[in-house]
Amino acid sequence: MLAAFFDDIRDHDLIVPRRLAARLRLPMSGLAKLAHVNRNTMTAKPQSPAIQAKLGQIAAVIARAAELSGDEGRAIIWFKHVPIVGFGKTAEELVEEGHADAVMWTLESMEQGVYA
């Protein structure tokens, strides 16, 4: 399942912004906002190390959530719509604010049996 997710969003070793946006059901402007990059820059220079790092963080959160939920669709719904206890914000909102590390910590806690 996760291999298919990464295969679908990548072209060789690069994450393709349009493919990731499609998987997240976001417009390109929404993905750019989430990644804190200009939409035009993201489209024109997707191979930029900075852009790839931001997209990689987003993909890692979705992949980890999919591992825990057993389903990519559920992971995306959780990412976009379920507020995380203790933060009062969704994973999407936290990632947009630059707190992908807090989301990953939450996912690791959930795996250990902590309710989130």
N, C-alpha and C. Protein backbone atom coordinates (compact mmCIF):
# COMPACT_ATOMS: atom_id res chain seq x y z
N MET A 1 0.83 -1.20 0.00
CA MET A 1 0.00 0.00 0.00
C MET A 1 0.87 1.26 0.00
N LEU A 2 1.83 1.31 0.92
CA LEU A 2 2.67 2.50 1.00
C LEU A 2 3.59 2.61 -0.20
N ALA A 3 4.05 1.48 -0.68
CA ALA A 3 4.89 1.50 -1.88
C ALA A 3 4.12 2.09 -3.05
N ALA A 4 2.86 1.74 -3.16
CA ALA A 4 2.02 2.28 -4.23
C ALA A 4 1.84 3.78 -4.08
N PHE A 5 1.66 4.25 -2.85
CA PHE A 5 1.52 5.68 -2.60
C PHE A 5 2.77 6.41 -3.08
N PHE A 6 3.94 5.95 -2.66
CA PHE A 6 5.19 6.61 -3.05
C PHE A 6 5.46 6.46 -4.54
N ASP A 7 5.12 5.31 -5.11
CA ASP A 7 5.30 5.13 -6.55
C ASP A 7 4.42 6.09 -7.33
N ASP A 8 3.21 6.33 -6.84
CA ASP A 8 2.27 7.20 -7.54
C ASP A 8 2.64 8.67 -7.46
N ILE A 9 3.31 9.09 -6.39
CA ILE A 9 3.61 10.52 -6.26
C ILE A 9 5.02 10.87 -6.75
N ARG A 10 5.81 9.86 -7.09
CA ARG A 10 7.20 10.10 -7.50
C ARG A 10 7.40 9.85 -8.98
N ASP A 11 8.40 10.55 -9.50
CA ASP A 11 8.94 10.29 -10.81
C ASP A 11 10.43 10.11 -10.58
N HIS A 12 10.86 8.87 -10.62
CA HIS A 12 12.22 8.49 -10.20
C HIS A 12 12.36 8.83 -8.72
N ASP A 13 13.28 9.71 -8.35
CA ASP A 13 13.47 10.03 -6.93
C ASP A 13 12.78 11.33 -6.51
N LEU A 14 12.10 11.99 -7.43
CA LEU A 14 11.47 13.27 -7.11
C LEU A 14 9.98 13.12 -6.84
N ILE A 15 9.51 13.82 -5.82
CA ILE A 15 8.07 13.88 -5.57
C ILE A 15 7.49 14.89 -6.55
N VAL A 16 6.48 14.48 -7.28
CA VAL A 16 5.84 15.34 -8.28
C VAL A 16 4.70 16.09 -7.59
N PRO A 17 4.81 17.41 -7.48
CA PRO A 17 3.78 18.17 -6.75
C PRO A 17 2.36 17.90 -7.21
N ARG A 18 2.12 17.84 -8.52
CA ARG A 18 0.75 17.61 -9.01
C ARG A 18 0.20 16.25 -8.57
N ARG A 19 1.06 15.27 -8.53
CA ARG A 19 0.62 13.94 -8.11
C ARG A 19 0.30 13.91 -6.62
N LEU A 20 1.14 14.57 -5.81
CA LEU A 20 0.87 14.62 -4.37
C LEU A 20 -0.41 15.41 -4.10
N ALA A 21 -0.58 16.52 -4.80
CA ALA A 21 -1.79 17.33 -4.64
C ALA A 21 -3.03 16.50 -4.99
N ALA A 22 -2.94 15.74 -6.06
CA ALA A 22 -4.08 14.91 -6.46
C ALA A 22 -4.40 13.86 -5.40
N ARG A 23 -3.37 13.23 -4.84
CA ARG A 23 -3.59 12.21 -3.80
C ARG A 23 -4.22 12.81 -2.55
N LEU A 24 -3.83 14.06 -2.24
CA LEU A 24 -4.39 14.73 -1.06
C LEU A 24 -5.71 15.43 -1.36
N ARG A 25 -6.11 15.38 -2.62
CA ARG A 25 -7.34 16.06 -3.05
C ARG A 25 -7.27 17.55 -2.76
N LEU A 26 -6.12 18.14 -3.11
CA LEU A 26 -5.88 19.56 -2.92
C LEU A 26 -5.57 20.20 -4.26
N PRO A 27 -5.96 21.47 -4.44
CA PRO A 27 -5.48 22.19 -5.62
C PRO A 27 -3.98 22.47 -5.42
N MET A 28 -3.30 22.78 -6.49
CA MET A 28 -1.86 23.09 -6.38
C MET A 28 -1.62 24.26 -5.44
N SER A 29 -2.50 25.23 -5.44
CA SER A 29 -2.33 26.37 -4.53
C SER A 29 -2.44 25.91 -3.08
N GLY A 30 -3.29 24.93 -2.80
CA GLY A 30 -3.42 24.39 -1.44
C GLY A 30 -2.18 23.63 -1.01
N LEU A 31 -1.61 22.85 -1.93
CA LEU A 31 -0.38 22.13 -1.62
C LEU A 31 0.77 23.12 -1.40
N ALA A 32 0.83 24.15 -2.23
CA ALA A 32 1.89 25.17 -2.07
C ALA A 32 1.76 25.86 -0.72
N LYS A 33 0.54 26.17 -0.33
CA LYS A 33 0.32 26.81 0.98
C LYS A 33 0.74 25.87 2.10
N LEU A 34 0.38 24.62 1.98
CA LEU A 34 0.73 23.61 2.98
C LEU A 34 2.25 23.46 3.10
N ALA A 35 2.95 23.54 1.98
CA ALA A 35 4.40 23.37 1.95
C ALA A 35 5.16 24.68 2.18
N HIS A 36 4.44 25.78 2.29
CA HIS A 36 5.07 27.09 2.49
C HIS A 36 5.98 27.49 1.33
N VAL A 37 5.52 27.23 0.12
CA VAL A 37 6.28 27.64 -1.05
C VAL A 37 5.33 28.30 -2.04
N ASN A 38 5.89 29.10 -2.91
CA ASN A 38 5.10 29.75 -3.95
C ASN A 38 4.66 28.70 -4.96
N ARG A 39 3.40 28.76 -5.35
CA ARG A 39 2.86 27.76 -6.29
C ARG A 39 3.63 27.75 -7.59
N ASN A 40 3.97 28.92 -8.10
CA ASN A 40 4.70 28.99 -9.37
C ASN A 40 6.11 28.40 -9.23
N THR A 41 6.75 28.66 -8.11
CA THR A 41 8.08 28.11 -7.88
C THR A 41 8.00 26.59 -7.75
N MET A 42 6.99 26.12 -7.04
CA MET A 42 6.83 24.68 -6.85
C MET A 42 6.61 23.99 -8.20
N THR A 43 5.87 24.62 -9.09
CA THR A 43 5.60 24.05 -10.40
C THR A 43 6.82 24.15 -11.32
N ALA A 44 7.49 25.30 -11.26
CA ALA A 44 8.63 25.52 -12.16
C ALA A 44 9.89 24.78 -11.73
N LYS A 45 10.10 24.64 -10.41
CA LYS A 45 11.32 24.03 -9.90
C LYS A 45 11.04 22.95 -8.85
N PRO A 46 10.28 21.93 -9.24
CA PRO A 46 9.94 20.91 -8.24
C PRO A 46 11.15 20.12 -7.75
N GLN A 47 12.23 20.15 -8.51
CA GLN A 47 13.43 19.42 -8.12
C GLN A 47 14.25 20.15 -7.07
N SER A 48 13.88 21.37 -6.72
CA SER A 48 14.60 22.13 -5.70
C SER A 48 14.66 21.32 -4.41
N PRO A 49 15.86 21.23 -3.80
CA PRO A 49 15.98 20.48 -2.54
C PRO A 49 15.03 20.98 -1.44
N ALA A 50 14.82 22.29 -1.38
CA ALA A 50 13.91 22.84 -0.36
C ALA A 50 12.48 22.39 -0.61
N ILE A 51 12.05 22.41 -1.85
CA ILE A 51 10.69 21.99 -2.18
C ILE A 51 10.54 20.49 -1.95
N GLN A 52 11.52 19.71 -2.36
CA GLN A 52 11.45 18.27 -2.15
C GLN A 52 11.41 17.92 -0.66
N ALA A 53 12.14 18.68 0.15
CA ALA A 53 12.12 18.44 1.60
C ALA A 53 10.73 18.71 2.18
N LYS A 54 10.11 19.80 1.77
CA LYS A 54 8.76 20.13 2.27
C LYS A 54 7.74 19.08 1.82
N LEU A 55 7.80 18.73 0.54
CA LEU A 55 6.87 17.71 0.04
C LEU A 55 7.13 16.36 0.70
N GLY A 56 8.38 16.08 0.97
CA GLY A 56 8.74 14.84 1.65
C GLY A 56 8.16 14.75 3.05
N GLN A 57 8.16 15.88 3.76
CA GLN A 57 7.56 15.90 5.10
C GLN A 57 6.07 15.57 5.03
N ILE A 58 5.39 16.19 4.08
CA ILE A 58 3.96 15.96 3.92
C ILE A 58 3.70 14.49 3.58
N ALA A 59 4.46 13.96 2.63
CA ALA A 59 4.30 12.57 2.22
C ALA A 59 4.59 11.62 3.37
N ALA A 60 5.59 11.94 4.19
CA ALA A 60 5.94 11.09 5.32
C ALA A 60 4.82 11.04 6.34
N VAL A 61 4.19 12.17 6.60
CA VAL A 61 3.07 12.20 7.54
C VAL A 61 1.92 11.34 7.03
N ILE A 62 1.58 11.49 5.76
CA ILE A 62 0.48 10.70 5.19
C ILE A 62 0.84 9.21 5.21
N ALA A 63 2.07 8.89 4.84
CA ALA A 63 2.48 7.49 4.83
C ALA A 63 2.42 6.88 6.23
N ARG A 64 2.88 7.62 7.22
CA ARG A 64 2.87 7.11 8.60
C ARG A 64 1.44 6.93 9.10
N ALA A 65 0.59 7.91 8.80
CA ALA A 65 -0.82 7.81 9.20
C ALA A 65 -1.49 6.63 8.49
N ALA A 66 -1.13 6.39 7.24
CA ALA A 66 -1.70 5.26 6.51
C ALA A 66 -1.24 3.93 7.10
N GLU A 67 0.00 3.88 7.55
CA GLU A 67 0.49 2.66 8.22
C GLU A 67 -0.35 2.34 9.45
N LEU A 68 -0.64 3.38 10.22
CA LEU A 68 -1.39 3.18 11.46
C LEU A 68 -2.86 2.88 11.22
N SER A 69 -3.45 3.55 10.23
CA SER A 69 -4.88 3.36 9.98
C SER A 69 -5.16 2.17 9.08
N GLY A 70 -4.15 1.75 8.33
CA GLY A 70 -4.34 0.64 7.40
C GLY A 70 -4.94 1.03 6.08
N ASP A 71 -5.11 2.35 5.87
CA ASP A 71 -5.77 2.79 4.65
C ASP A 71 -5.37 4.23 4.33
N GLU A 72 -4.95 4.46 3.11
CA GLU A 72 -4.54 5.81 2.71
C GLU A 72 -5.70 6.80 2.77
N GLY A 73 -6.88 6.38 2.38
CA GLY A 73 -8.05 7.26 2.41
C GLY A 73 -8.37 7.73 3.82
N ARG A 74 -8.33 6.80 4.78
CA ARG A 74 -8.57 7.17 6.18
C ARG A 74 -7.49 8.12 6.68
N ALA A 75 -6.25 7.87 6.26
CA ALA A 75 -5.14 8.72 6.68
C ALA A 75 -5.34 10.15 6.18
N ILE A 76 -5.79 10.29 4.95
CA ILE A 76 -6.01 11.62 4.39
C ILE A 76 -7.16 12.31 5.10
N ILE A 77 -8.21 11.58 5.38
CA ILE A 77 -9.34 12.17 6.12
C ILE A 77 -8.87 12.62 7.50
N TRP A 78 -8.11 11.78 8.19
CA TRP A 78 -7.57 12.16 9.50
C TRP A 78 -6.71 13.41 9.38
N PHE A 79 -5.81 13.42 8.41
CA PHE A 79 -4.90 14.54 8.19
C PHE A 79 -5.65 15.85 8.00
N LYS A 80 -6.73 15.81 7.23
CA LYS A 80 -7.43 17.04 6.88
C LYS A 80 -8.54 17.45 7.87
N HIS A 81 -9.12 16.47 8.58
CA HIS A 81 -10.35 16.80 9.30
C HIS A 81 -10.38 16.52 10.80
N VAL A 82 -9.47 15.73 11.32
CA VAL A 82 -9.56 15.34 12.72
C VAL A 82 -8.58 16.15 13.57
N PRO A 83 -9.12 16.98 14.49
CA PRO A 83 -8.22 17.74 15.37
C PRO A 83 -7.43 16.80 16.28
N ILE A 84 -6.18 17.13 16.48
CA ILE A 84 -5.30 16.33 17.33
C ILE A 84 -5.45 16.83 18.76
N VAL A 85 -5.76 15.91 19.65
CA VAL A 85 -5.93 16.24 21.07
C VAL A 85 -4.64 16.89 21.57
N GLY A 86 -4.80 17.95 22.32
CA GLY A 86 -3.64 18.66 22.87
C GLY A 86 -3.20 19.82 22.00
N PHE A 87 -3.55 19.77 20.72
CA PHE A 87 -3.20 20.86 19.81
C PHE A 87 -4.45 21.63 19.36
N GLY A 88 -5.57 20.92 19.31
CA GLY A 88 -6.81 21.56 18.87
C GLY A 88 -6.80 21.93 17.40
N LYS A 89 -5.89 21.34 16.65
CA LYS A 89 -5.78 21.62 15.21
C LYS A 89 -5.60 20.29 14.49
N THR A 90 -5.92 20.31 13.21
CA THR A 90 -5.72 19.11 12.41
C THR A 90 -4.24 18.96 12.06
N ALA A 91 -3.88 17.77 11.62
CA ALA A 91 -2.50 17.54 11.18
C ALA A 91 -2.17 18.47 10.02
N GLU A 92 -3.11 18.68 9.13
CA GLU A 92 -2.90 19.59 8.00
C GLU A 92 -2.57 21.00 8.49
N GLU A 93 -3.33 21.49 9.46
CA GLU A 93 -3.08 22.83 10.00
C GLU A 93 -1.70 22.91 10.67
N LEU A 94 -1.35 21.88 11.40
CA LEU A 94 -0.05 21.87 12.07
C LEU A 94 1.10 21.82 11.07
N VAL A 95 0.96 21.01 10.03
CA VAL A 95 2.00 20.95 9.00
C VAL A 95 2.11 22.31 8.31
N GLU A 96 0.97 22.91 8.02
CA GLU A 96 0.97 24.23 7.37
C GLU A 96 1.68 25.27 8.23
N GLU A 97 1.59 25.13 9.54
CA GLU A 97 2.24 26.06 10.46
C GLU A 97 3.71 25.69 10.70
N GLY A 98 4.18 24.64 10.05
CA GLY A 98 5.58 24.25 10.20
C GLY A 98 5.85 23.27 11.33
N HIS A 99 4.81 22.56 11.77
CA HIS A 99 4.96 21.63 12.90
C HIS A 99 4.77 20.17 12.48
N ALA A 100 5.35 19.80 11.36
CA ALA A 100 5.26 18.41 10.91
C ALA A 100 5.89 17.48 11.94
N ASP A 101 6.90 17.95 12.64
CA ASP A 101 7.54 17.13 13.67
C ASP A 101 6.57 16.79 14.79
N ALA A 102 5.70 17.73 15.15
CA ALA A 102 4.71 17.48 16.20
C ALA A 102 3.68 16.45 15.73
N VAL A 103 3.34 16.50 14.45
CA VAL A 103 2.40 15.52 13.90
C VAL A 103 3.05 14.13 13.91
N MET A 104 4.31 14.06 13.51
CA MET A 104 5.00 12.76 13.52
C MET A 104 5.12 12.23 14.94
N TRP A 105 5.39 13.10 15.90
CA TRP A 105 5.44 12.70 17.30
C TRP A 105 4.09 12.14 17.74
N THR A 106 3.02 12.81 17.34
CA THR A 106 1.67 12.34 17.66
C THR A 106 1.42 10.96 17.08
N LEU A 107 1.82 10.76 15.84
CA LEU A 107 1.63 9.45 15.20
C LEU A 107 2.43 8.37 15.91
N GLU A 108 3.65 8.70 16.33
CA GLU A 108 4.45 7.73 17.08
C GLU A 108 3.80 7.42 18.42
N SER A 109 3.24 8.43 19.07
CA SER A 109 2.54 8.22 20.33
C SER A 109 1.32 7.33 20.14
N MET A 110 0.61 7.56 19.05
CA MET A 110 -0.57 6.74 18.75
C MET A 110 -0.17 5.28 18.56
N GLU A 111 0.95 5.06 17.92
CA GLU A 111 1.41 3.69 17.72
C GLU A 111 1.71 3.01 19.05
N GLN A 112 2.16 3.80 20.02
CA GLN A 112 2.48 3.27 21.34
C GLN A 112 1.24 3.12 22.23
N GLY A 113 0.07 3.48 21.68
CA GLY A 113 -1.17 3.31 22.42
C GLY A 113 -1.70 4.54 23.11
N VAL A 114 -1.06 5.68 22.89
CA VAL A 114 -1.55 6.92 23.48
C VAL A 114 -2.70 7.42 22.61
N TYR A 115 -3.80 7.78 23.23
CA TYR A 115 -4.96 8.27 22.48
C TYR A 115 -4.66 9.66 21.96
N ALA A 116 -4.95 9.87 20.68
CA ALA A 116 -4.79 11.19 20.07
C ALA A 116 -5.92 11.45 19.13
